[in-house]
Amino acid sequence: MFISIKNVLYDLFHRDSIKGLNLYSTITCPNCGYQNKEHMPVNACVLDYICLNCKTVMHAKEGHCCIFCSYGDVDCPGVQIEKRNENRF
């Protein structure tokens, strides 16, 4: 999925744009299955994550922008905004 950085940045700097976004995602470790609920930043991509249980280092999968889109149950804020923008037009 291609994310328009211009649209995402425009929306992130407008307070109303973050209303309705889910800013928490439960990350599931592919190695041990441990799950942890994490807050997702709206101003940065998280590319690496260490499992709190087995210490496996997870990296964003190819084609994904971050670990939330790879291992989380909720897309990151940037993807959520992009999907919302697609539905506007």
N, C-alpha and C. Protein backbone atom coordinates (compact mmCIF):
# COMPACT_ATOMS: atom_id res chain seq x y z
N MET A 1 0.84 -1.17 0.00
CA MET A 1 0.00 0.00 0.00
C MET A 1 0.89 1.24 0.00
N PHE A 2 0.64 2.15 -0.91
CA PHE A 2 1.39 3.39 -0.98
C PHE A 2 0.74 4.43 -0.08
N ILE A 3 1.53 5.04 0.78
CA ILE A 3 1.02 6.06 1.68
C ILE A 3 1.54 7.41 1.21
N SER A 4 0.63 8.33 0.98
CA SER A 4 1.02 9.67 0.58
C SER A 4 1.47 10.45 1.81
N ILE A 5 2.77 10.65 1.92
CA ILE A 5 3.32 11.35 3.08
C ILE A 5 2.75 12.76 3.18
N LYS A 6 2.56 13.41 2.06
CA LYS A 6 2.01 14.76 2.07
C LYS A 6 0.64 14.79 2.74
N ASN A 7 -0.23 13.85 2.38
CA ASN A 7 -1.56 13.80 2.99
C ASN A 7 -1.49 13.46 4.47
N VAL A 8 -0.63 12.52 4.82
CA VAL A 8 -0.50 12.12 6.22
C VAL A 8 0.00 13.28 7.06
N LEU A 9 1.05 13.96 6.62
CA LEU A 9 1.58 15.09 7.37
C LEU A 9 0.58 16.21 7.48
N TYR A 10 -0.16 16.48 6.40
CA TYR A 10 -1.18 17.51 6.43
C TYR A 10 -2.21 17.20 7.51
N ASP A 11 -2.65 15.96 7.54
CA ASP A 11 -3.66 15.57 8.51
C ASP A 11 -3.12 15.54 9.94
N LEU A 12 -1.88 15.08 10.10
CA LEU A 12 -1.32 15.00 11.45
C LEU A 12 -1.19 16.37 12.10
N PHE A 13 -1.00 17.40 11.33
CA PHE A 13 -0.85 18.73 11.89
C PHE A 13 -2.17 19.47 12.04
N HIS A 14 -3.25 18.78 11.79
CA HIS A 14 -4.57 19.34 11.99
C HIS A 14 -5.25 18.53 13.09
N ARG A 15 -5.53 19.16 14.17
CA ARG A 15 -6.02 18.50 15.38
C ARG A 15 -7.21 17.58 15.11
N ASP A 16 -8.12 17.99 14.27
CA ASP A 16 -9.31 17.18 14.01
C ASP A 16 -8.97 15.86 13.33
N SER A 17 -7.83 15.79 12.68
CA SER A 17 -7.50 14.59 11.92
C SER A 17 -7.21 13.40 12.82
N ILE A 18 -6.75 13.62 14.05
CA ILE A 18 -6.45 12.48 14.91
C ILE A 18 -7.67 12.03 15.71
N LYS A 19 -8.75 12.80 15.64
CA LYS A 19 -9.99 12.35 16.28
C LYS A 19 -10.47 11.08 15.58
N GLY A 20 -10.84 10.12 16.37
CA GLY A 20 -11.36 8.88 15.80
C GLY A 20 -10.31 7.85 15.44
N LEU A 21 -9.03 8.20 15.57
CA LEU A 21 -7.98 7.22 15.28
C LEU A 21 -7.80 6.30 16.49
N ASN A 22 -7.54 5.05 16.23
CA ASN A 22 -7.21 4.12 17.28
C ASN A 22 -5.70 4.20 17.48
N LEU A 23 -5.26 4.67 18.62
CA LEU A 23 -3.84 4.88 18.86
C LEU A 23 -3.19 3.75 19.67
N TYR A 24 -3.90 2.63 19.81
CA TYR A 24 -3.34 1.47 20.50
C TYR A 24 -3.46 0.24 19.61
N SER A 25 -2.44 -0.58 19.64
CA SER A 25 -2.44 -1.82 18.87
C SER A 25 -1.82 -2.92 19.72
N THR A 26 -2.37 -4.11 19.62
CA THR A 26 -1.81 -5.26 20.32
C THR A 26 -0.87 -5.97 19.38
N ILE A 27 0.41 -5.99 19.76
CA ILE A 27 1.44 -6.64 18.95
C ILE A 27 1.57 -8.09 19.40
N THR A 28 1.59 -9.00 18.44
CA THR A 28 1.74 -10.42 18.73
C THR A 28 3.09 -10.89 18.20
N CYS A 29 3.89 -11.47 19.08
CA CYS A 29 5.21 -11.98 18.69
C CYS A 29 5.03 -13.23 17.82
N PRO A 30 5.67 -13.24 16.66
CA PRO A 30 5.55 -14.42 15.79
C PRO A 30 6.32 -15.63 16.31
N ASN A 31 7.23 -15.40 17.25
CA ASN A 31 8.04 -16.49 17.79
C ASN A 31 7.35 -17.22 18.94
N CYS A 32 6.83 -16.48 19.91
CA CYS A 32 6.27 -17.11 21.11
C CYS A 32 4.78 -16.86 21.30
N GLY A 33 4.21 -15.94 20.51
CA GLY A 33 2.78 -15.66 20.61
C GLY A 33 2.41 -14.67 21.70
N TYR A 34 3.40 -14.16 22.43
CA TYR A 34 3.13 -13.19 23.48
C TYR A 34 2.49 -11.94 22.87
N GLN A 35 1.52 -11.37 23.57
CA GLN A 35 0.84 -10.17 23.09
C GLN A 35 1.02 -9.04 24.09
N ASN A 36 1.22 -7.83 23.54
CA ASN A 36 1.37 -6.66 24.37
C ASN A 36 0.69 -5.48 23.69
N LYS A 37 -0.12 -4.75 24.44
CA LYS A 37 -0.80 -3.57 23.91
C LYS A 37 0.15 -2.37 23.99
N GLU A 38 0.35 -1.71 22.85
CA GLU A 38 1.30 -0.60 22.76
C GLU A 38 0.61 0.65 22.21
N HIS A 39 1.06 1.80 22.68
CA HIS A 39 0.61 3.08 22.14
C HIS A 39 1.36 3.35 20.84
N MET A 40 0.64 3.80 19.82
CA MET A 40 1.27 4.09 18.53
C MET A 40 1.51 5.59 18.41
N PRO A 41 2.74 6.01 18.13
CA PRO A 41 3.00 7.44 17.94
C PRO A 41 2.37 7.93 16.64
N VAL A 42 1.94 9.18 16.65
CA VAL A 42 1.35 9.76 15.43
C VAL A 42 2.39 10.50 14.60
N ASN A 43 3.59 10.67 15.15
CA ASN A 43 4.60 11.46 14.45
C ASN A 43 5.86 10.67 14.08
N ALA A 44 5.79 9.34 14.16
CA ALA A 44 6.97 8.53 13.83
C ALA A 44 6.55 7.11 13.49
N CYS A 45 7.37 6.43 12.72
CA CYS A 45 7.16 5.02 12.41
C CYS A 45 8.06 4.18 13.32
N VAL A 46 7.52 3.11 13.86
CA VAL A 46 8.31 2.21 14.70
C VAL A 46 8.70 1.02 13.82
N LEU A 47 9.98 0.91 13.55
CA LEU A 47 10.46 -0.11 12.62
C LEU A 47 10.91 -1.39 13.30
N ASP A 48 11.28 -1.31 14.57
CA ASP A 48 11.77 -2.47 15.31
C ASP A 48 11.06 -2.55 16.66
N TYR A 49 10.91 -3.76 17.15
CA TYR A 49 10.25 -3.98 18.42
C TYR A 49 10.82 -5.25 19.04
N ILE A 50 11.06 -5.23 20.35
CA ILE A 50 11.59 -6.39 21.05
C ILE A 50 10.48 -6.99 21.89
N CYS A 51 10.23 -8.29 21.68
CA CYS A 51 9.21 -9.01 22.46
C CYS A 51 9.61 -8.98 23.93
N LEU A 52 8.67 -8.60 24.78
CA LEU A 52 8.95 -8.53 26.21
C LEU A 52 9.09 -9.91 26.85
N ASN A 53 8.61 -10.94 26.18
CA ASN A 53 8.65 -12.29 26.72
C ASN A 53 9.91 -13.04 26.30
N CYS A 54 10.11 -13.20 24.99
CA CYS A 54 11.23 -14.04 24.51
C CYS A 54 12.40 -13.22 23.95
N LYS A 55 12.24 -11.91 23.92
CA LYS A 55 13.31 -10.99 23.47
C LYS A 55 13.61 -11.08 21.98
N THR A 56 12.71 -11.66 21.19
CA THR A 56 12.86 -11.69 19.74
C THR A 56 12.77 -10.25 19.22
N VAL A 57 13.68 -9.90 18.32
CA VAL A 57 13.62 -8.58 17.70
C VAL A 57 12.79 -8.70 16.43
N MET A 58 11.70 -7.94 16.38
CA MET A 58 10.82 -7.94 15.22
C MET A 58 11.11 -6.70 14.39
N HIS A 59 11.11 -6.87 13.09
CA HIS A 59 11.31 -5.77 12.15
C HIS A 59 10.07 -5.67 11.28
N ALA A 60 9.79 -4.48 10.78
CA ALA A 60 8.66 -4.31 9.87
C ALA A 60 8.86 -5.24 8.67
N LYS A 61 7.79 -5.94 8.29
CA LYS A 61 7.86 -6.84 7.14
C LYS A 61 7.98 -6.03 5.85
N GLU A 62 8.55 -6.65 4.83
CA GLU A 62 8.67 -6.00 3.53
C GLU A 62 7.29 -5.58 3.03
N GLY A 63 7.19 -4.34 2.60
CA GLY A 63 5.93 -3.80 2.12
C GLY A 63 5.08 -3.14 3.20
N HIS A 64 5.50 -3.30 4.46
CA HIS A 64 4.79 -2.66 5.57
C HIS A 64 5.61 -1.47 6.05
N CYS A 65 4.92 -0.46 6.55
CA CYS A 65 5.63 0.75 6.96
C CYS A 65 6.18 0.66 8.38
N CYS A 66 5.63 -0.24 9.21
CA CYS A 66 6.06 -0.29 10.61
C CYS A 66 5.67 -1.63 11.24
N ILE A 67 6.08 -1.83 12.50
CA ILE A 67 5.79 -3.08 13.18
C ILE A 67 4.30 -3.21 13.50
N PHE A 68 3.59 -2.10 13.66
CA PHE A 68 2.16 -2.17 13.95
C PHE A 68 1.41 -2.74 12.75
N CYS A 69 1.80 -2.35 11.56
CA CYS A 69 1.16 -2.88 10.35
C CYS A 69 1.58 -4.32 10.09
N SER A 70 2.74 -4.73 10.60
CA SER A 70 3.22 -6.10 10.41
C SER A 70 2.70 -7.07 11.46
N TYR A 71 2.71 -6.66 12.72
CA TYR A 71 2.41 -7.59 13.82
C TYR A 71 1.27 -7.13 14.72
N GLY A 72 0.70 -5.97 14.46
CA GLY A 72 -0.36 -5.45 15.31
C GLY A 72 -1.75 -5.81 14.81
N ASP A 73 -2.72 -5.62 15.68
CA ASP A 73 -4.11 -5.89 15.30
C ASP A 73 -4.81 -4.64 14.78
N VAL A 74 -4.12 -3.50 14.81
CA VAL A 74 -4.65 -2.23 14.30
C VAL A 74 -3.57 -1.58 13.44
N ASP A 75 -3.97 -1.05 12.28
CA ASP A 75 -3.01 -0.33 11.42
C ASP A 75 -2.49 0.92 12.14
N CYS A 76 -1.30 1.35 11.77
CA CYS A 76 -0.70 2.54 12.36
C CYS A 76 -1.52 3.79 12.00
N PRO A 77 -1.35 4.89 12.74
CA PRO A 77 -2.11 6.11 12.47
C PRO A 77 -1.96 6.61 11.03
N GLY A 78 -0.78 6.51 10.46
CA GLY A 78 -0.57 6.98 9.08
C GLY A 78 -1.44 6.23 8.09
N VAL A 79 -1.53 4.91 8.25
CA VAL A 79 -2.36 4.10 7.35
C VAL A 79 -3.84 4.36 7.63
N GLN A 80 -4.19 4.53 8.90
CA GLN A 80 -5.58 4.85 9.23
C GLN A 80 -6.02 6.16 8.56
N ILE A 81 -5.14 7.16 8.61
CA ILE A 81 -5.44 8.46 7.99
C ILE A 81 -5.56 8.30 6.47
N GLU A 82 -4.64 7.55 5.89
CA GLU A 82 -4.67 7.34 4.44
C GLU A 82 -5.96 6.66 4.01
N LYS A 83 -6.37 5.64 4.76
CA LYS A 83 -7.62 4.95 4.43
C LYS A 83 -8.82 5.88 4.58
N ARG A 84 -8.78 6.71 5.60
CA ARG A 84 -9.87 7.67 5.80
C ARG A 84 -9.91 8.68 4.67
N ASN A 85 -8.75 9.11 4.21
CA ASN A 85 -8.69 10.06 3.08
C ASN A 85 -9.21 9.43 1.80
N GLU A 86 -8.91 8.15 1.59
CA GLU A 86 -9.41 7.45 0.39
C GLU A 86 -10.93 7.40 0.39
N ASN A 87 -11.52 7.27 1.56
CA ASN A 87 -12.97 7.18 1.67
C ASN A 87 -13.66 8.54 1.55
N ARG A 88 -12.90 9.61 1.68
CA ARG A 88 -13.46 10.96 1.58
C ARG A 88 -13.85 11.32 0.16
N PHE A 89 -13.09 10.81 -0.80
CA PHE A 89 -13.28 11.26 -2.19
C PHE A 89 -14.05 10.29 -2.99
